[in-house]
Amino acid sequence: MTQKQIDAYLRLMDPQILEERTHQDKSGVYGIAQRLAGYQSNHIEGSSLTPEQTADLFETGTREQDQTAVRVKDVENLSGHFRMLNEALKTIHRRLHRI
């Protein structure tokens, strides 16, 4: 994806996702991004959380009582991911600088 394509995408998406993040509206683009990116990011790291468990943790901060046990480290990593994406959205308009 070129920078021009990325910029065009962000112009379309960022007002919506930023508005939803501000109001903690988890039913739209912001919620989808958090659930999918959280699951994929943690899955790459070997997380045992299912997409459903990831969604529960994002939406309510807890898991359903009837679900199987999960590793505490997986929950910690997922919580960190949710915070990281929120921080990234705060700086969405800033250019990344090379070190």
N, C-alpha and C. Protein backbone atom coordinates (compact mmCIF):
# COMPACT_ATOMS: atom_id res chain seq x y z
N MET A 1 0.85 -1.17 0.00
CA MET A 1 0.00 0.00 0.00
C MET A 1 0.90 1.24 0.00
N THR A 2 0.61 2.16 -0.87
CA THR A 2 1.42 3.38 -0.95
C THR A 2 1.00 4.37 0.13
N GLN A 3 1.86 5.35 0.40
CA GLN A 3 1.53 6.38 1.39
C GLN A 3 0.29 7.16 0.96
N LYS A 4 0.14 7.37 -0.33
CA LYS A 4 -1.03 8.09 -0.85
C LYS A 4 -2.31 7.30 -0.54
N GLN A 5 -2.27 5.99 -0.73
CA GLN A 5 -3.43 5.15 -0.42
C GLN A 5 -3.72 5.13 1.07
N ILE A 6 -2.67 5.06 1.88
CA ILE A 6 -2.85 5.08 3.33
C ILE A 6 -3.48 6.39 3.77
N ASP A 7 -2.98 7.50 3.23
CA ASP A 7 -3.53 8.81 3.59
C ASP A 7 -5.00 8.92 3.20
N ALA A 8 -5.35 8.42 2.03
CA ALA A 8 -6.75 8.46 1.59
C ALA A 8 -7.63 7.62 2.50
N TYR A 9 -7.16 6.46 2.89
CA TYR A 9 -7.90 5.60 3.80
C TYR A 9 -8.11 6.28 5.14
N LEU A 10 -7.05 6.87 5.67
CA LEU A 10 -7.16 7.53 6.97
C LEU A 10 -8.13 8.71 6.92
N ARG A 11 -8.13 9.45 5.82
CA ARG A 11 -9.07 10.58 5.71
C ARG A 11 -10.51 10.08 5.78
N LEU A 12 -10.76 8.90 5.23
CA LEU A 12 -12.11 8.34 5.27
C LEU A 12 -12.45 7.74 6.63
N MET A 13 -11.49 7.05 7.24
CA MET A 13 -11.78 6.28 8.44
C MET A 13 -11.55 7.01 9.75
N ASP A 14 -10.55 7.88 9.81
CA ASP A 14 -10.20 8.40 11.12
C ASP A 14 -11.28 9.23 11.79
N PRO A 15 -12.10 10.01 11.08
CA PRO A 15 -13.14 10.71 11.84
C PRO A 15 -14.08 9.74 12.56
N GLN A 16 -14.45 8.67 11.90
CA GLN A 16 -15.36 7.69 12.48
C GLN A 16 -14.73 6.95 13.65
N ILE A 17 -13.53 6.42 13.44
CA ILE A 17 -12.89 5.62 14.48
C ILE A 17 -12.52 6.49 15.69
N LEU A 18 -12.11 7.73 15.43
CA LEU A 18 -11.75 8.63 16.53
C LEU A 18 -12.98 9.02 17.33
N GLU A 19 -14.08 9.26 16.65
CA GLU A 19 -15.34 9.59 17.35
C GLU A 19 -15.79 8.41 18.20
N GLU A 20 -15.73 7.22 17.65
CA GLU A 20 -16.13 6.02 18.40
C GLU A 20 -15.20 5.78 19.58
N ARG A 21 -13.90 5.98 19.41
CA ARG A 21 -12.96 5.80 20.52
C ARG A 21 -13.25 6.80 21.63
N THR A 22 -13.48 8.05 21.24
CA THR A 22 -13.76 9.10 22.22
C THR A 22 -14.96 8.75 23.09
N HIS A 23 -15.98 8.18 22.47
CA HIS A 23 -17.21 7.84 23.20
C HIS A 23 -17.25 6.38 23.65
N GLN A 24 -16.12 5.67 23.47
CA GLN A 24 -16.04 4.25 23.81
C GLN A 24 -17.20 3.45 23.21
N ASP A 25 -17.55 3.82 21.97
CA ASP A 25 -18.58 3.09 21.21
C ASP A 25 -17.90 1.86 20.61
N LYS A 26 -18.21 0.71 21.14
CA LYS A 26 -17.55 -0.52 20.73
C LYS A 26 -18.32 -1.29 19.65
N SER A 27 -19.34 -0.65 19.08
CA SER A 27 -20.20 -1.35 18.12
C SER A 27 -19.81 -1.10 16.67
N GLY A 28 -18.89 -0.20 16.40
CA GLY A 28 -18.56 0.15 15.02
C GLY A 28 -17.14 -0.20 14.63
N VAL A 29 -16.55 0.67 13.83
CA VAL A 29 -15.20 0.46 13.29
C VAL A 29 -14.17 0.33 14.41
N TYR A 30 -14.28 1.17 15.42
CA TYR A 30 -13.33 1.12 16.55
C TYR A 30 -13.38 -0.25 17.22
N GLY A 31 -14.56 -0.74 17.51
CA GLY A 31 -14.70 -2.05 18.15
C GLY A 31 -14.19 -3.18 17.28
N ILE A 32 -14.50 -3.11 16.01
CA ILE A 32 -14.02 -4.14 15.08
C ILE A 32 -12.50 -4.13 15.03
N ALA A 33 -11.92 -2.94 14.94
CA ALA A 33 -10.46 -2.83 14.88
C ALA A 33 -9.82 -3.38 16.14
N GLN A 34 -10.37 -3.05 17.28
CA GLN A 34 -9.80 -3.53 18.54
C GLN A 34 -9.90 -5.05 18.65
N ARG A 35 -11.07 -5.59 18.34
CA ARG A 35 -11.25 -7.04 18.48
C ARG A 35 -10.38 -7.81 17.49
N LEU A 36 -10.40 -7.41 16.22
CA LEU A 36 -9.64 -8.15 15.21
C LEU A 36 -8.14 -7.99 15.39
N ALA A 37 -7.70 -6.76 15.57
CA ALA A 37 -6.26 -6.52 15.73
C ALA A 37 -5.76 -7.14 17.03
N GLY A 38 -6.56 -7.06 18.09
CA GLY A 38 -6.17 -7.67 19.36
C GLY A 38 -6.02 -9.16 19.24
N TYR A 39 -6.99 -9.80 18.61
CA TYR A 39 -6.92 -11.25 18.44
C TYR A 39 -5.71 -11.63 17.57
N GLN A 40 -5.57 -10.96 16.41
CA GLN A 40 -4.49 -11.32 15.49
C GLN A 40 -3.12 -11.08 16.11
N SER A 41 -2.94 -9.95 16.78
CA SER A 41 -1.67 -9.62 17.41
C SER A 41 -1.29 -10.66 18.46
N ASN A 42 -2.24 -11.00 19.31
CA ASN A 42 -1.94 -11.97 20.36
C ASN A 42 -1.82 -13.38 19.81
N HIS A 43 -2.56 -13.70 18.77
CA HIS A 43 -2.47 -15.02 18.15
C HIS A 43 -1.06 -15.25 17.59
N ILE A 44 -0.50 -14.21 16.98
CA ILE A 44 0.86 -14.29 16.45
C ILE A 44 1.84 -14.63 17.57
N GLU A 45 1.57 -14.11 18.77
CA GLU A 45 2.45 -14.34 19.92
C GLU A 45 2.16 -15.66 20.63
N GLY A 46 1.23 -16.45 20.09
CA GLY A 46 0.94 -17.75 20.67
C GLY A 46 -0.15 -17.73 21.73
N SER A 47 -0.97 -16.70 21.74
CA SER A 47 -2.06 -16.59 22.72
C SER A 47 -3.06 -17.73 22.54
N SER A 48 -3.64 -18.14 23.66
CA SER A 48 -4.64 -19.20 23.64
C SER A 48 -6.07 -18.63 23.57
N LEU A 49 -6.21 -17.31 23.58
CA LEU A 49 -7.55 -16.71 23.56
C LEU A 49 -8.23 -16.93 22.22
N THR A 50 -9.51 -17.22 22.28
CA THR A 50 -10.31 -17.36 21.06
C THR A 50 -10.80 -15.97 20.64
N PRO A 51 -11.29 -15.83 19.41
CA PRO A 51 -11.88 -14.55 19.01
C PRO A 51 -13.03 -14.14 19.94
N GLU A 52 -13.80 -15.10 20.41
CA GLU A 52 -14.93 -14.80 21.30
C GLU A 52 -14.43 -14.29 22.65
N GLN A 53 -13.39 -14.92 23.18
CA GLN A 53 -12.83 -14.48 24.46
C GLN A 53 -12.22 -13.08 24.31
N THR A 54 -11.56 -12.85 23.19
CA THR A 54 -11.00 -11.52 22.92
C THR A 54 -12.10 -10.48 22.90
N ALA A 55 -13.20 -10.79 22.22
CA ALA A 55 -14.33 -9.85 22.15
C ALA A 55 -14.91 -9.60 23.54
N ASP A 56 -15.08 -10.65 24.34
CA ASP A 56 -15.61 -10.48 25.70
C ASP A 56 -14.72 -9.56 26.53
N LEU A 57 -13.41 -9.79 26.44
CA LEU A 57 -12.48 -8.98 27.22
C LEU A 57 -12.49 -7.53 26.77
N PHE A 58 -12.63 -7.30 25.48
CA PHE A 58 -12.68 -5.93 24.99
C PHE A 58 -13.99 -5.25 25.38
N GLU A 59 -15.09 -5.94 25.18
CA GLU A 59 -16.41 -5.34 25.39
C GLU A 59 -16.75 -5.14 26.86
N THR A 60 -16.37 -6.08 27.71
CA THR A 60 -16.80 -6.01 29.11
C THR A 60 -15.65 -5.98 30.11
N GLY A 61 -14.45 -6.30 29.65
CA GLY A 61 -13.31 -6.38 30.56
C GLY A 61 -13.28 -7.68 31.35
N THR A 62 -14.22 -8.57 31.07
CA THR A 62 -14.29 -9.86 31.76
C THR A 62 -14.56 -10.96 30.74
N ARG A 63 -14.58 -12.18 31.24
CA ARG A 63 -14.94 -13.32 30.40
C ARG A 63 -16.24 -13.90 30.91
N GLU A 64 -16.92 -14.59 30.02
CA GLU A 64 -18.12 -15.30 30.43
C GLU A 64 -17.74 -16.40 31.42
N GLN A 65 -18.58 -16.65 32.39
CA GLN A 65 -18.26 -17.63 33.44
C GLN A 65 -18.09 -19.05 32.92
N ASP A 66 -18.79 -19.41 31.87
CA ASP A 66 -18.75 -20.79 31.40
C ASP A 66 -17.59 -21.08 30.44
N GLN A 67 -16.75 -20.11 30.19
CA GLN A 67 -15.64 -20.33 29.28
C GLN A 67 -14.49 -21.04 29.99
N THR A 68 -13.67 -21.68 29.19
CA THR A 68 -12.52 -22.39 29.75
C THR A 68 -11.51 -21.40 30.32
N ALA A 69 -10.61 -21.90 31.13
CA ALA A 69 -9.57 -21.07 31.73
C ALA A 69 -8.65 -20.52 30.64
N VAL A 70 -8.11 -19.34 30.91
CA VAL A 70 -7.15 -18.74 29.99
C VAL A 70 -5.90 -18.35 30.77
N ARG A 71 -4.80 -18.22 30.05
CA ARG A 71 -3.55 -17.81 30.69
C ARG A 71 -3.61 -16.33 31.05
N VAL A 72 -3.17 -16.02 32.25
CA VAL A 72 -3.17 -14.63 32.72
C VAL A 72 -2.31 -13.77 31.79
N LYS A 73 -1.20 -14.30 31.33
CA LYS A 73 -0.30 -13.54 30.44
C LYS A 73 -1.02 -13.16 29.15
N ASP A 74 -1.88 -14.04 28.63
CA ASP A 74 -2.64 -13.71 27.42
C ASP A 74 -3.57 -12.52 27.67
N VAL A 75 -4.20 -12.51 28.82
CA VAL A 75 -5.11 -11.41 29.17
C VAL A 75 -4.32 -10.12 29.34
N GLU A 76 -3.16 -10.20 29.99
CA GLU A 76 -2.31 -9.01 30.16
C GLU A 76 -1.86 -8.46 28.81
N ASN A 77 -1.42 -9.35 27.92
CA ASN A 77 -0.99 -8.91 26.59
C ASN A 77 -2.12 -8.26 25.82
N LEU A 78 -3.30 -8.84 25.90
CA LEU A 78 -4.45 -8.29 25.20
C LEU A 78 -4.83 -6.92 25.75
N SER A 79 -4.80 -6.78 27.06
CA SER A 79 -5.09 -5.47 27.67
C SER A 79 -4.07 -4.44 27.20
N GLY A 80 -2.82 -4.84 27.10
CA GLY A 80 -1.78 -3.95 26.60
C GLY A 80 -2.04 -3.55 25.16
N HIS A 81 -2.51 -4.50 24.36
CA HIS A 81 -2.83 -4.19 22.96
C HIS A 81 -3.94 -3.15 22.89
N PHE A 82 -4.99 -3.33 23.68
CA PHE A 82 -6.11 -2.38 23.65
C PHE A 82 -5.61 -0.98 24.00
N ARG A 83 -4.76 -0.86 25.01
CA ARG A 83 -4.21 0.44 25.40
C ARG A 83 -3.32 1.01 24.29
N MET A 84 -2.51 0.14 23.66
CA MET A 84 -1.61 0.59 22.60
C MET A 84 -2.38 1.16 21.43
N LEU A 85 -3.45 0.49 21.01
CA LEU A 85 -4.23 0.99 19.88
C LEU A 85 -4.88 2.32 20.23
N ASN A 86 -5.36 2.46 21.45
CA ASN A 86 -5.93 3.75 21.88
C ASN A 86 -4.87 4.85 21.80
N GLU A 87 -3.66 4.56 22.24
CA GLU A 87 -2.58 5.56 22.17
C GLU A 87 -2.23 5.87 20.72
N ALA A 88 -2.20 4.85 19.86
CA ALA A 88 -1.90 5.07 18.45
C ALA A 88 -2.95 5.96 17.80
N LEU A 89 -4.21 5.78 18.18
CA LEU A 89 -5.27 6.61 17.61
C LEU A 89 -5.15 8.07 18.05
N LYS A 90 -4.58 8.30 19.22
CA LYS A 90 -4.38 9.68 19.67
C LYS A 90 -3.38 10.42 18.79
N THR A 91 -2.47 9.68 18.16
CA THR A 91 -1.42 10.31 17.35
C THR A 91 -1.56 9.95 15.88
N ILE A 92 -2.75 9.66 15.44
CA ILE A 92 -2.97 9.16 14.08
C ILE A 92 -2.53 10.14 13.00
N HIS A 93 -2.54 11.42 13.30
CA HIS A 93 -2.18 12.42 12.29
C HIS A 93 -0.70 12.79 12.30
N ARG A 94 0.04 12.27 13.25
CA ARG A 94 1.47 12.57 13.30
C ARG A 94 2.25 11.64 12.37
N ARG A 95 3.21 12.18 11.69
CA ARG A 95 4.07 11.39 10.82
C ARG A 95 5.06 10.61 11.69
N LEU A 96 5.38 9.41 11.27
CA LEU A 96 6.41 8.63 11.93
C LEU A 96 7.77 9.13 11.45
N HIS A 97 8.70 9.23 12.35
CA HIS A 97 10.04 9.71 12.00
C HIS A 97 11.03 8.56 12.10
N ARG A 98 11.93 8.53 11.16
CA ARG A 98 12.98 7.52 11.20
C ARG A 98 14.01 7.91 12.21
N ILE A 99 14.55 6.91 12.86
CA ILE A 99 15.61 7.16 13.86
C ILE A 99 16.96 6.96 13.21
